[in-house]
Amino acid sequence: MATRYKKGDKVVVISGKDSGKEGTILDVNTEKCRITIEGINIIKRHLKASKEKDGGIVESPAPIHWSKAKIIDPSSNKPTSIGFETVDGKKRRKAKVSGELF
């Protein structure tokens, strides 16, 4: 199945506490419809010290639902929706704003 979001895509958050912030996708979970974005939805986790790791407060990005983010069009640098188009028998992603395939 082709997905609209792929690891490494630049996205902008359109709703929530991090609305308007941009980042790159670190992870895509297609089963739960969630994406993890670098620097977005940062949570703090308190870890207990062990032999291998030091304890303390660790900050890491948590996943958000992918309906709260839009891909940034590579040609116009504007948020865009993604459609699909078949080219040479392969399904390719297409930006709705500019019509560019990527």
PDB file of N, CA and C in Angstrom:
ATOM      1  N   MET A   1       0.840  -1.188   0.000  1.00  0.00           N
ATOM      2  CA  MET A   1       0.000   0.000   0.000  1.00  0.00           C
ATOM      3  C   MET A   1       0.880   1.244   0.000  1.00  0.00           C
ATOM      4  N   ALA A   2       0.590   2.189  -0.865  1.00  0.00           N
ATOM      5  CA  ALA A   2       1.334   3.438  -0.916  1.00  0.00           C
ATOM      6  C   ALA A   2       0.850   4.363   0.194  1.00  0.00           C
ATOM      7  N   THR A   3       1.781   4.998   0.869  1.00  0.00           N
ATOM      8  CA  THR A   3       1.411   5.928   1.933  1.00  0.00           C
ATOM      9  C   THR A   3       1.727   7.349   1.507  1.00  0.00           C
ATOM     10  N   ARG A   4       0.987   8.273   2.043  1.00  0.00           N
ATOM     11  CA  ARG A   4       1.215   9.671   1.731  1.00  0.00           C
ATOM     12  C   ARG A   4       2.461  10.205   2.426  1.00  0.00           C
ATOM     13  N   TYR A   5       2.767   9.674   3.601  1.00  0.00           N
ATOM     14  CA  TYR A   5       3.887  10.163   4.396  1.00  0.00           C
ATOM     15  C   TYR A   5       5.016   9.145   4.377  1.00  0.00           C
ATOM     16  N   LYS A   6       6.243   9.614   4.170  1.00  0.00           N
ATOM     17  CA  LYS A   6       7.412   8.752   4.172  1.00  0.00           C
ATOM     18  C   LYS A   6       8.488   9.358   5.053  1.00  0.00           C
ATOM     19  N   LYS A   7       9.341   8.496   5.576  1.00  0.00           N
ATOM     20  CA  LYS A   7      10.435   8.922   6.434  1.00  0.00           C
ATOM     21  C   LYS A   7      11.330   9.898   5.662  1.00  0.00           C
ATOM     22  N   GLY A   8      11.643  11.025   6.299  1.00  0.00           N
ATOM     23  CA  GLY A   8      12.494  12.025   5.668  1.00  0.00           C
ATOM     24  C   GLY A   8      11.736  13.174   5.023  1.00  0.00           C
ATOM     25  N   ASP A   9      10.411  13.077   4.885  1.00  0.00           N
ATOM     26  CA  ASP A   9       9.615  14.171   4.318  1.00  0.00           C
ATOM     27  C   ASP A   9       9.591  15.356   5.267  1.00  0.00           C
ATOM     28  N   LYS A  10       9.590  16.575   4.704  1.00  0.00           N
ATOM     29  CA  LYS A  10       9.423  17.775   5.511  1.00  0.00           C
ATOM     30  C   LYS A  10       7.932  18.051   5.644  1.00  0.00           C
ATOM     31  N   VAL A  11       7.475  18.267   6.880  1.00  0.00           N
ATOM     32  CA  VAL A  11       6.060  18.511   7.135  1.00  0.00           C
ATOM     33  C   VAL A  11       5.891  19.730   8.032  1.00  0.00           C
ATOM     34  N   VAL A  12       4.675  20.279   8.028  1.00  0.00           N
ATOM     35  CA  VAL A  12       4.304  21.358   8.927  1.00  0.00           C
ATOM     36  C   VAL A  12       3.069  20.891   9.698  1.00  0.00           C
ATOM     37  N   VAL A  13       3.035  21.187  11.001  1.00  0.00           N
ATOM     38  CA  VAL A  13       1.910  20.807  11.850  1.00  0.00           C
ATOM     39  C   VAL A  13       0.820  21.853  11.675  1.00  0.00           C
ATOM     40  N   ILE A  14      -0.425  21.402  11.434  1.00  0.00           N
ATOM     41  CA  ILE A  14      -1.511  22.340  11.148  1.00  0.00           C
ATOM     42  C   ILE A  14      -2.470  22.524  12.312  1.00  0.00           C
ATOM     43  N   SER A  15      -2.384  21.683  13.355  1.00  0.00           N
ATOM     44  CA  SER A  15      -3.258  21.857  14.506  1.00  0.00           C
ATOM     45  C   SER A  15      -2.587  21.303  15.749  1.00  0.00           C
ATOM     46  N   GLY A  16      -3.058  21.773  16.900  1.00  0.00           N
ATOM     47  CA  GLY A  16      -2.507  21.304  18.162  1.00  0.00           C
ATOM     48  C   GLY A  16      -1.555  22.312  18.775  1.00  0.00           C
ATOM     49  N   LYS A  17      -0.865  21.899  19.831  1.00  0.00           N
ATOM     50  CA  LYS A  17       0.008  22.814  20.564  1.00  0.00           C
ATOM     51  C   LYS A  17       1.240  23.221  19.766  1.00  0.00           C
ATOM     52  N   ASP A  18       1.641  22.430  18.796  1.00  0.00           N
ATOM     53  CA  ASP A  18       2.810  22.737  17.973  1.00  0.00           C
ATOM     54  C   ASP A  18       2.425  23.252  16.592  1.00  0.00           C
ATOM     55  N   SER A  19       1.251  23.837  16.474  1.00  0.00           N
ATOM     56  CA  SER A  19       0.745  24.321  15.196  1.00  0.00           C
ATOM     57  C   SER A  19       1.695  25.335  14.580  1.00  0.00           C
ATOM     58  N   GLY A  20       1.989  25.160  13.289  1.00  0.00           N
ATOM     59  CA  GLY A  20       2.865  26.075  12.564  1.00  0.00           C
ATOM     60  C   GLY A  20       4.324  25.670  12.557  1.00  0.00           C
ATOM     61  N   LYS A  21       4.720  24.701  13.368  1.00  0.00           N
ATOM     62  CA  LYS A  21       6.118  24.271  13.422  1.00  0.00           C
ATOM     63  C   LYS A  21       6.403  23.276  12.305  1.00  0.00           C
ATOM     64  N   GLU A  22       7.652  23.299  11.820  1.00  0.00           N
ATOM     65  CA  GLU A  22       8.078  22.407  10.753  1.00  0.00           C
ATOM     66  C   GLU A  22       9.111  21.421  11.271  1.00  0.00           C
ATOM     67  N   GLY A  23       9.201  20.285  10.629  1.00  0.00           N
ATOM     68  CA  GLY A  23      10.188  19.275  10.978  1.00  0.00           C
ATOM     69  C   GLY A  23      10.203  18.163   9.952  1.00  0.00           C
ATOM     70  N   THR A  24      11.129  17.217  10.134  1.00  0.00           N
ATOM     71  CA  THR A  24      11.213  16.078   9.236  1.00  0.00           C
ATOM     72  C   THR A  24      10.656  14.835   9.929  1.00  0.00           C
ATOM     73  N   ILE A  25      10.085  13.942   9.159  1.00  0.00           N
ATOM     74  CA  ILE A  25       9.473  12.730   9.699  1.00  0.00           C
ATOM     75  C   ILE A  25      10.574  11.740  10.074  1.00  0.00           C
ATOM     76  N   LEU A  26      10.515  11.254  11.325  1.00  0.00           N
ATOM     77  CA  LEU A  26      11.468  10.267  11.813  1.00  0.00           C
ATOM     78  C   LEU A  26      10.929   8.850  11.687  1.00  0.00           C
ATOM     79  N   ASP A  27       9.607   8.680  11.845  1.00  0.00           N
ATOM     80  CA  ASP A  27       9.011   7.348  11.846  1.00  0.00           C
ATOM     81  C   ASP A  27       7.563   7.435  11.391  1.00  0.00           C
ATOM     82  N   VAL A  28       7.104   6.419  10.661  1.00  0.00           N
ATOM     83  CA  VAL A  28       5.720   6.342  10.197  1.00  0.00           C
ATOM     84  C   VAL A  28       5.126   5.028  10.679  1.00  0.00           C
ATOM     85  N   ASN A  29       3.990   5.108  11.391  1.00  0.00           N
ATOM     86  CA  ASN A  29       3.281   3.914  11.847  1.00  0.00           C
ATOM     87  C   ASN A  29       1.955   3.856  11.090  1.00  0.00           C
ATOM     88  N   THR A  30       1.884   2.993  10.063  1.00  0.00           N
ATOM     89  CA  THR A  30       0.688   2.934   9.220  1.00  0.00           C
ATOM     90  C   THR A  30      -0.471   2.234   9.908  1.00  0.00           C
ATOM     91  N   GLU A  31      -0.188   1.365  10.875  1.00  0.00           N
ATOM     92  CA  GLU A  31      -1.258   0.661  11.570  1.00  0.00           C
ATOM     93  C   GLU A  31      -2.067   1.589  12.462  1.00  0.00           C
ATOM     94  N   LYS A  32      -1.390   2.538  13.115  1.00  0.00           N
ATOM     95  CA  LYS A  32      -2.068   3.467  14.016  1.00  0.00           C
ATOM     96  C   LYS A  32      -2.264   4.856  13.409  1.00  0.00           C
ATOM     97  N   CYS A  33      -1.874   5.031  12.141  1.00  0.00           N
ATOM     98  CA  CYS A  33      -2.013   6.314  11.429  1.00  0.00           C
ATOM     99  C   CYS A  33      -1.290   7.435  12.172  1.00  0.00           C
ATOM    100  N   ARG A  34      -0.068   7.196  12.612  1.00  0.00           N
ATOM    101  CA  ARG A  34       0.691   8.189  13.367  1.00  0.00           C
ATOM    102  C   ARG A  34       2.077   8.369  12.778  1.00  0.00           C
ATOM    103  N   ILE A  35       2.593   9.607  12.906  1.00  0.00           N
ATOM    104  CA  ILE A  35       3.943   9.923  12.471  1.00  0.00           C
ATOM    105  C   ILE A  35       4.690  10.605  13.607  1.00  0.00           C
ATOM    106  N   THR A  36       5.999  10.375  13.666  1.00  0.00           N
ATOM    107  CA  THR A  36       6.855  11.035  14.638  1.00  0.00           C
ATOM    108  C   THR A  36       7.678  12.059  13.884  1.00  0.00           C
ATOM    109  N   ILE A  37       7.636  13.316  14.366  1.00  0.00           N
ATOM    110  CA  ILE A  37       8.310  14.423  13.693  1.00  0.00           C
ATOM    111  C   ILE A  37       9.388  14.972  14.609  1.00  0.00           C
ATOM    112  N   GLU A  38      10.555  15.253  14.024  1.00  0.00           N
ATOM    113  CA  GLU A  38      11.688  15.760  14.783  1.00  0.00           C
ATOM    114  C   GLU A  38      11.347  17.127  15.407  1.00  0.00           C
ATOM    115  N   GLY A  39      11.464  17.224  16.739  1.00  0.00           N
ATOM    116  CA  GLY A  39      11.245  18.483  17.447  1.00  0.00           C
ATOM    117  C   GLY A  39       9.790  18.821  17.725  1.00  0.00           C
ATOM    118  N   ILE A  40       8.857  17.923  17.410  1.00  0.00           N
ATOM    119  CA  ILE A  40       7.428  18.185  17.592  1.00  0.00           C
ATOM    120  C   ILE A  40       6.880  17.228  18.643  1.00  0.00           C
ATOM    121  N   ASN A  41       5.956  17.711  19.486  1.00  0.00           N
ATOM    122  CA  ASN A  41       5.285  16.918  20.512  1.00  0.00           C
ATOM    123  C   ASN A  41       6.306  16.266  21.450  1.00  0.00           C
ATOM    124  N   ILE A  42       7.180  17.086  22.002  1.00  0.00           N
ATOM    125  CA  ILE A  42       8.244  16.615  22.886  1.00  0.00           C
ATOM    126  C   ILE A  42       7.649  16.231  24.240  1.00  0.00           C
ATOM    127  N   ILE A  43       7.986  15.014  24.708  1.00  0.00           N
ATOM    128  CA  ILE A  43       7.544  14.567  26.025  1.00  0.00           C
ATOM    129  C   ILE A  43       8.770  14.342  26.905  1.00  0.00           C
ATOM    130  N   LYS A  44       8.568  14.465  28.215  1.00  0.00           N
ATOM    131  CA  LYS A  44       9.636  14.218  29.178  1.00  0.00           C
ATOM    132  C   LYS A  44       9.335  12.902  29.880  1.00  0.00           C
ATOM    133  N   ARG A  45      10.356  12.051  29.969  1.00  0.00           N
ATOM    134  CA  ARG A  45      10.192  10.749  30.594  1.00  0.00           C
ATOM    135  C   ARG A  45      11.237  10.608  31.692  1.00  0.00           C
ATOM    136  N   HIS A  46      10.799  10.213  32.867  1.00  0.00           N
ATOM    137  CA  HIS A  46      11.693  10.041  34.008  1.00  0.00           C
ATOM    138  C   HIS A  46      12.187   8.598  34.016  1.00  0.00           C
ATOM    139  N   LEU A  47      13.504   8.419  33.865  1.00  0.00           N
ATOM    140  CA  LEU A  47      14.084   7.089  33.813  1.00  0.00           C
ATOM    141  C   LEU A  47      14.871   6.795  35.080  1.00  0.00           C
ATOM    142  N   LYS A  48      14.708   5.592  35.552  1.00  0.00           N
ATOM    143  CA  LYS A  48      15.438   5.134  36.724  1.00  0.00           C
ATOM    144  C   LYS A  48      16.828   4.657  36.282  1.00  0.00           C
ATOM    145  N   ALA A  49      17.841   4.949  37.074  1.00  0.00           N
ATOM    146  CA  ALA A  49      19.200   4.554  36.739  1.00  0.00           C
ATOM    147  C   ALA A  49      19.355   3.035  36.809  1.00  0.00           C
ATOM    148  N   SER A  50      20.164   2.499  35.908  1.00  0.00           N
ATOM    149  CA  SER A  50      20.479   1.080  35.919  1.00  0.00           C
ATOM    150  C   SER A  50      21.973   0.923  35.642  1.00  0.00           C
ATOM    151  N   LYS A  51      22.447  -0.297  35.539  1.00  0.00           N
ATOM    152  CA  LYS A  51      23.867  -0.522  35.292  1.00  0.00           C
ATOM    153  C   LYS A  51      24.297   0.006  33.924  1.00  0.00           C
ATOM    154  N   GLU A  52      23.429  -0.116  32.925  1.00  0.00           N
ATOM    155  CA  GLU A  52      23.767   0.305  31.574  1.00  0.00           C
ATOM    156  C   GLU A  52      23.518   1.794  31.326  1.00  0.00           C
ATOM    157  N   LYS A  53      22.495   2.351  31.957  1.00  0.00           N
ATOM    158  CA  LYS A  53      22.093   3.721  31.651  1.00  0.00           C
ATOM    159  C   LYS A  53      22.077   4.584  32.904  1.00  0.00           C
ATOM    160  N   ASP A  54      22.307   5.861  32.691  1.00  0.00           N
ATOM    161  CA  ASP A  54      22.147   6.830  33.779  1.00  0.00           C
ATOM    162  C   ASP A  54      20.674   7.186  33.888  1.00  0.00           C
ATOM    163  N   GLY A  55      20.254   7.529  35.071  1.00  0.00           N
ATOM    164  CA  GLY A  55      18.877   7.958  35.268  1.00  0.00           C
ATOM    165  C   GLY A  55      18.729   9.425  34.930  1.00  0.00           C
ATOM    166  N   GLY A  56      17.511   9.925  34.993  1.00  0.00           N
ATOM    167  CA  GLY A  56      17.264  11.334  34.740  1.00  0.00           C
ATOM    168  C   GLY A  56      16.028  11.545  33.893  1.00  0.00           C
ATOM    169  N   ILE A  57      15.882  12.771  33.469  1.00  0.00           N
ATOM    170  CA  ILE A  57      14.742  13.151  32.645  1.00  0.00           C
ATOM    171  C   ILE A  57      15.196  13.180  31.192  1.00  0.00           C
ATOM    172  N   VAL A  58      14.531  12.393  30.354  1.00  0.00           N
ATOM    173  CA  VAL A  58      14.876  12.289  28.936  1.00  0.00           C
ATOM    174  C   VAL A  58      13.740  12.881  28.119  1.00  0.00           C
ATOM    175  N   GLU A  59      14.082  13.755  27.180  1.00  0.00           N
ATOM    176  CA  GLU A  59      13.093  14.347  26.287  1.00  0.00           C
ATOM    177  C   GLU A  59      13.155  13.624  24.944  1.00  0.00           C
ATOM    178  N   SER A  60      11.976  13.297  24.398  1.00  0.00           N
ATOM    179  CA  SER A  60      11.919  12.644  23.094  1.00  0.00           C
ATOM    180  C   SER A  60      10.611  13.023  22.396  1.00  0.00           C
ATOM    181  N   PRO A  61      10.608  12.995  21.051  1.00  0.00           N
ATOM    182  CA  PRO A  61       9.366  13.301  20.340  1.00  0.00           C
ATOM    183  C   PRO A  61       8.391  12.135  20.403  1.00  0.00           C
ATOM    184  N   ALA A  62       7.118  12.445  20.601  1.00  0.00           N
ATOM    185  CA  ALA A  62       6.059  11.443  20.621  1.00  0.00           C
ATOM    186  C   ALA A  62       5.292  11.527  19.297  1.00  0.00           C
ATOM    187  N   PRO A  63       4.673  10.437  18.863  1.00  0.00           N
ATOM    188  CA  PRO A  63       3.936  10.468  17.598  1.00  0.00           C
ATOM    189  C   PRO A  63       2.652  11.289  17.684  1.00  0.00           C
ATOM    190  N   ILE A  64       2.266  11.857  16.534  1.00  0.00           N
ATOM    191  CA  ILE A  64       0.992  12.558  16.408  1.00  0.00           C
ATOM    192  C   ILE A  64       0.225  11.913  15.259  1.00  0.00           C
ATOM    193  N   HIS A  65      -1.081  12.152  15.202  1.00  0.00           N
ATOM    194  CA  HIS A  65      -1.892  11.612  14.111  1.00  0.00           C
ATOM    195  C   HIS A  65      -1.513  12.329  12.823  1.00  0.00           C
ATOM    196  N   TRP A  66      -1.449  11.577  11.731  1.00  0.00           N
ATOM    197  CA  TRP A  66      -0.960  12.200  10.503  1.00  0.00           C
ATOM    198  C   TRP A  66      -1.941  13.164   9.870  1.00  0.00           C
ATOM    199  N   SER A  67      -3.177  13.245  10.365  1.00  0.00           N
ATOM    200  CA  SER A  67      -4.111  14.241   9.854  1.00  0.00           C
ATOM    201  C   SER A  67      -3.771  15.631  10.379  1.00  0.00           C
ATOM    202  N   LYS A  68      -2.911  15.710  11.385  1.00  0.00           N
ATOM    203  CA  LYS A  68      -2.513  16.997  11.955  1.00  0.00           C
ATOM    204  C   LYS A  68      -1.289  17.586  11.275  1.00  0.00           C
ATOM    205  N   ALA A  69      -0.791  16.952  10.219  1.00  0.00           N
ATOM    206  CA  ALA A  69       0.395  17.440   9.518  1.00  0.00           C
ATOM    207  C   ALA A  69       0.165  17.423   8.014  1.00  0.00           C
ATOM    208  N   LYS A  70       0.820  18.370   7.324  1.00  0.00           N
ATOM    209  CA  LYS A  70       0.766  18.411   5.871  1.00  0.00           C
ATOM    210  C   LYS A  70       2.193  18.449   5.344  1.00  0.00           C
ATOM    211  N   ILE A  71       2.412  17.778   4.231  1.00  0.00           N
ATOM    212  CA  ILE A  71       3.733  17.766   3.606  1.00  0.00           C
ATOM    213  C   ILE A  71       3.991  19.121   2.973  1.00  0.00           C
ATOM    214  N   ILE A  72       5.251  19.572   3.055  1.00  0.00           N
ATOM    215  CA  ILE A  72       5.649  20.827   2.425  1.00  0.00           C
ATOM    216  C   ILE A  72       6.033  20.526   0.981  1.00  0.00           C
ATOM    217  N   ASP A  73       5.402  21.247   0.040  1.00  0.00           N
ATOM    218  CA  ASP A  73       5.665  21.058  -1.381  1.00  0.00           C
ATOM    219  C   ASP A  73       7.114  21.441  -1.681  1.00  0.00           C
ATOM    220  N   PRO A  74       7.891  20.555  -2.314  1.00  0.00           N
ATOM    221  CA  PRO A  74       9.302  20.861  -2.557  1.00  0.00           C
ATOM    222  C   PRO A  74       9.542  22.052  -3.481  1.00  0.00           C
ATOM    223  N   SER A  75       8.629  22.327  -4.404  1.00  0.00           N
ATOM    224  CA  SER A  75       8.857  23.420  -5.350  1.00  0.00           C
ATOM    225  C   SER A  75       8.383  24.771  -4.829  1.00  0.00           C
ATOM    226  N   SER A  76       7.260  24.808  -4.096  1.00  0.00           N
ATOM    227  CA  SER A  76       6.713  26.101  -3.659  1.00  0.00           C
ATOM    228  C   SER A  76       6.892  26.362  -2.166  1.00  0.00           C
ATOM    229  N   ASN A  77       7.369  25.371  -1.405  1.00  0.00           N
ATOM    230  CA  ASN A  77       7.548  25.488   0.056  1.00  0.00           C
ATOM    231  C   ASN A  77       6.258  25.868   0.773  1.00  0.00           C
ATOM    232  N   LYS A  78       5.116  25.384   0.270  1.00  0.00           N
ATOM    233  CA  LYS A  78       3.824  25.608   0.908  1.00  0.00           C
ATOM    234  C   LYS A  78       3.254  24.265   1.351  1.00  0.00           C
ATOM    235  N   PRO A  79       2.439  24.250   2.424  1.00  0.00           N
ATOM    236  CA  PRO A  79       1.790  22.985   2.819  1.00  0.00           C
ATOM    237  C   PRO A  79       0.839  22.513   1.728  1.00  0.00           C
ATOM    238  N   THR A  80       0.833  21.224   1.485  1.00  0.00           N
ATOM    239  CA  THR A  80       0.003  20.691   0.414  1.00  0.00           C
ATOM    240  C   THR A  80      -0.581  19.341   0.799  1.00  0.00           C
ATOM    241  N   SER A  81      -1.707  19.020   0.187  1.00  0.00           N
ATOM    242  CA  SER A  81      -2.266  17.684   0.286  1.00  0.00           C
ATOM    243  C   SER A  81      -1.580  16.814  -0.758  1.00  0.00           C
ATOM    244  N   ILE A  82      -1.677  15.500  -0.582  1.00  0.00           N
ATOM    245  CA  ILE A  82      -1.003  14.579  -1.484  1.00  0.00           C
ATOM    246  C   ILE A  82      -2.031  13.709  -2.184  1.00  0.00           C
ATOM    247  N   GLY A  83      -1.854  13.558  -3.482  1.00  0.00           N
ATOM    248  CA  GLY A  83      -2.666  12.646  -4.265  1.00  0.00           C
ATOM    249  C   GLY A  83      -1.754  11.614  -4.897  1.00  0.00           C
ATOM    250  N   PHE A  84      -2.314  10.710  -5.679  1.00  0.00           N
ATOM    251  CA  PHE A  84      -1.528   9.680  -6.332  1.00  0.00           C
ATOM    252  C   PHE A  84      -1.794   9.686  -7.821  1.00  0.00           C
ATOM    253  N   GLU A  85      -0.755   9.353  -8.588  1.00  0.00           N
ATOM    254  CA  GLU A  85      -0.874   9.274 -10.031  1.00  0.00           C
ATOM    255  C   GLU A  85      -0.030   8.089 -10.502  1.00  0.00           C
ATOM    256  N   THR A  86      -0.521   7.357 -11.488  1.00  0.00           N
ATOM    257  CA  THR A  86       0.222   6.219 -12.011  1.00  0.00           C
ATOM    258  C   THR A  86       1.076   6.671 -13.186  1.00  0.00           C
ATOM    259  N   VAL A  87       2.397   6.449 -13.062  1.00  0.00           N
ATOM    260  CA  VAL A  87       3.341   6.809 -14.116  1.00  0.00           C
ATOM    261  C   VAL A  87       4.185   5.578 -14.420  1.00  0.00           C
ATOM    262  N   ASP A  88       4.156   5.118 -15.667  1.00  0.00           N
ATOM    263  CA  ASP A  88       4.912   3.929 -16.104  1.00  0.00           C
ATOM    264  C   ASP A  88       4.603   2.714 -15.245  1.00  0.00           C
ATOM    265  N   GLY A  89       3.351   2.554 -14.849  1.00  0.00           N
ATOM    266  CA  GLY A  89       2.943   1.403 -14.061  1.00  0.00           C
ATOM    267  C   GLY A  89       3.274   1.494 -12.583  1.00  0.00           C
ATOM    268  N   LYS A  90       3.836   2.613 -12.124  1.00  0.00           N
ATOM    269  CA  LYS A  90       4.158   2.796 -10.713  1.00  0.00           C
ATOM    270  C   LYS A  90       3.288   3.895 -10.133  1.00  0.00           C
ATOM    271  N   LYS A  91       2.873   3.704  -8.902  1.00  0.00           N
ATOM    272  CA  LYS A  91       2.053   4.688  -8.208  1.00  0.00           C
ATOM    273  C   LYS A  91       2.982   5.723  -7.582  1.00  0.00           C
ATOM    274  N   ARG A  92       2.836   6.989  -7.970  1.00  0.00           N
ATOM    275  CA  ARG A  92       3.706   8.063  -7.484  1.00  0.00           C
ATOM    276  C   ARG A  92       2.882   9.087  -6.713  1.00  0.00           C
ATOM    277  N   ARG A  93       3.500   9.742  -5.745  1.00  0.00           N
ATOM    278  CA  ARG A  93       2.826  10.798  -5.005  1.00  0.00           C
ATOM    279  C   ARG A  93       2.844  12.093  -5.806  1.00  0.00           C
ATOM    280  N   LYS A  94       1.751  12.861  -5.676  1.00  0.00           N
ATOM    281  CA  LYS A  94       1.622  14.094  -6.440  1.00  0.00           C
ATOM    282  C   LYS A  94       1.140  15.202  -5.512  1.00  0.00           C
ATOM    283  N   ALA A  95       1.833  16.348  -5.523  1.00  0.00           N
ATOM    284  CA  ALA A  95       1.449  17.500  -4.714  1.00  0.00           C
ATOM    285  C   ALA A  95       0.231  18.168  -5.354  1.00  0.00           C
ATOM    286  N   LYS A  96      -0.794  18.465  -4.531  1.00  0.00           N
ATOM    287  CA  LYS A  96      -2.014  19.072  -5.056  1.00  0.00           C
ATOM    288  C   LYS A  96      -1.798  20.541  -5.424  1.00  0.00           C
ATOM    289  N   VAL A  97      -0.866  21.234  -4.732  1.00  0.00           N
ATOM    290  CA  VAL A  97      -0.642  22.659  -4.976  1.00  0.00           C
ATOM    291  C   VAL A  97       0.031  22.880  -6.314  1.00  0.00           C
ATOM    292  N   SER A  98       1.166  22.214  -6.569  1.00  0.00           N
ATOM    293  CA  SER A  98       1.933  22.468  -7.784  1.00  0.00           C
ATOM    294  C   SER A  98       1.750  21.411  -8.859  1.00  0.00           C
ATOM    295  N   GLY A  99       1.259  20.224  -8.481  1.00  0.00           N
ATOM    296  CA  GLY A  99       1.110  19.145  -9.437  1.00  0.00           C
ATOM    297  C   GLY A  99       2.391  18.370  -9.680  1.00  0.00           C
ATOM    298  N   GLU A 100       3.447  18.672  -8.906  1.00  0.00           N
ATOM    299  CA  GLU A 100       4.732  18.015  -9.073  1.00  0.00           C
ATOM    300  C   GLU A 100       4.704  16.604  -8.503  1.00  0.00           C
ATOM    301  N   LEU A 101       5.326  15.664  -9.190  1.00  0.00           N
ATOM    302  CA  LEU A 101       5.446  14.286  -8.720  1.00  0.00           C
ATOM    303  C   LEU A 101       6.692  14.142  -7.863  1.00  0.00           C
ATOM    304  N   PHE A 102       6.576  13.352  -6.786  1.00  0.00           N
ATOM    305  CA  PHE A 102       7.745  13.051  -5.952  1.00  0.00           C
ATOM    306  C   PHE A 102       7.547  11.763  -5.223  1.00  0.00           C
TER     307      PHE A 102
END
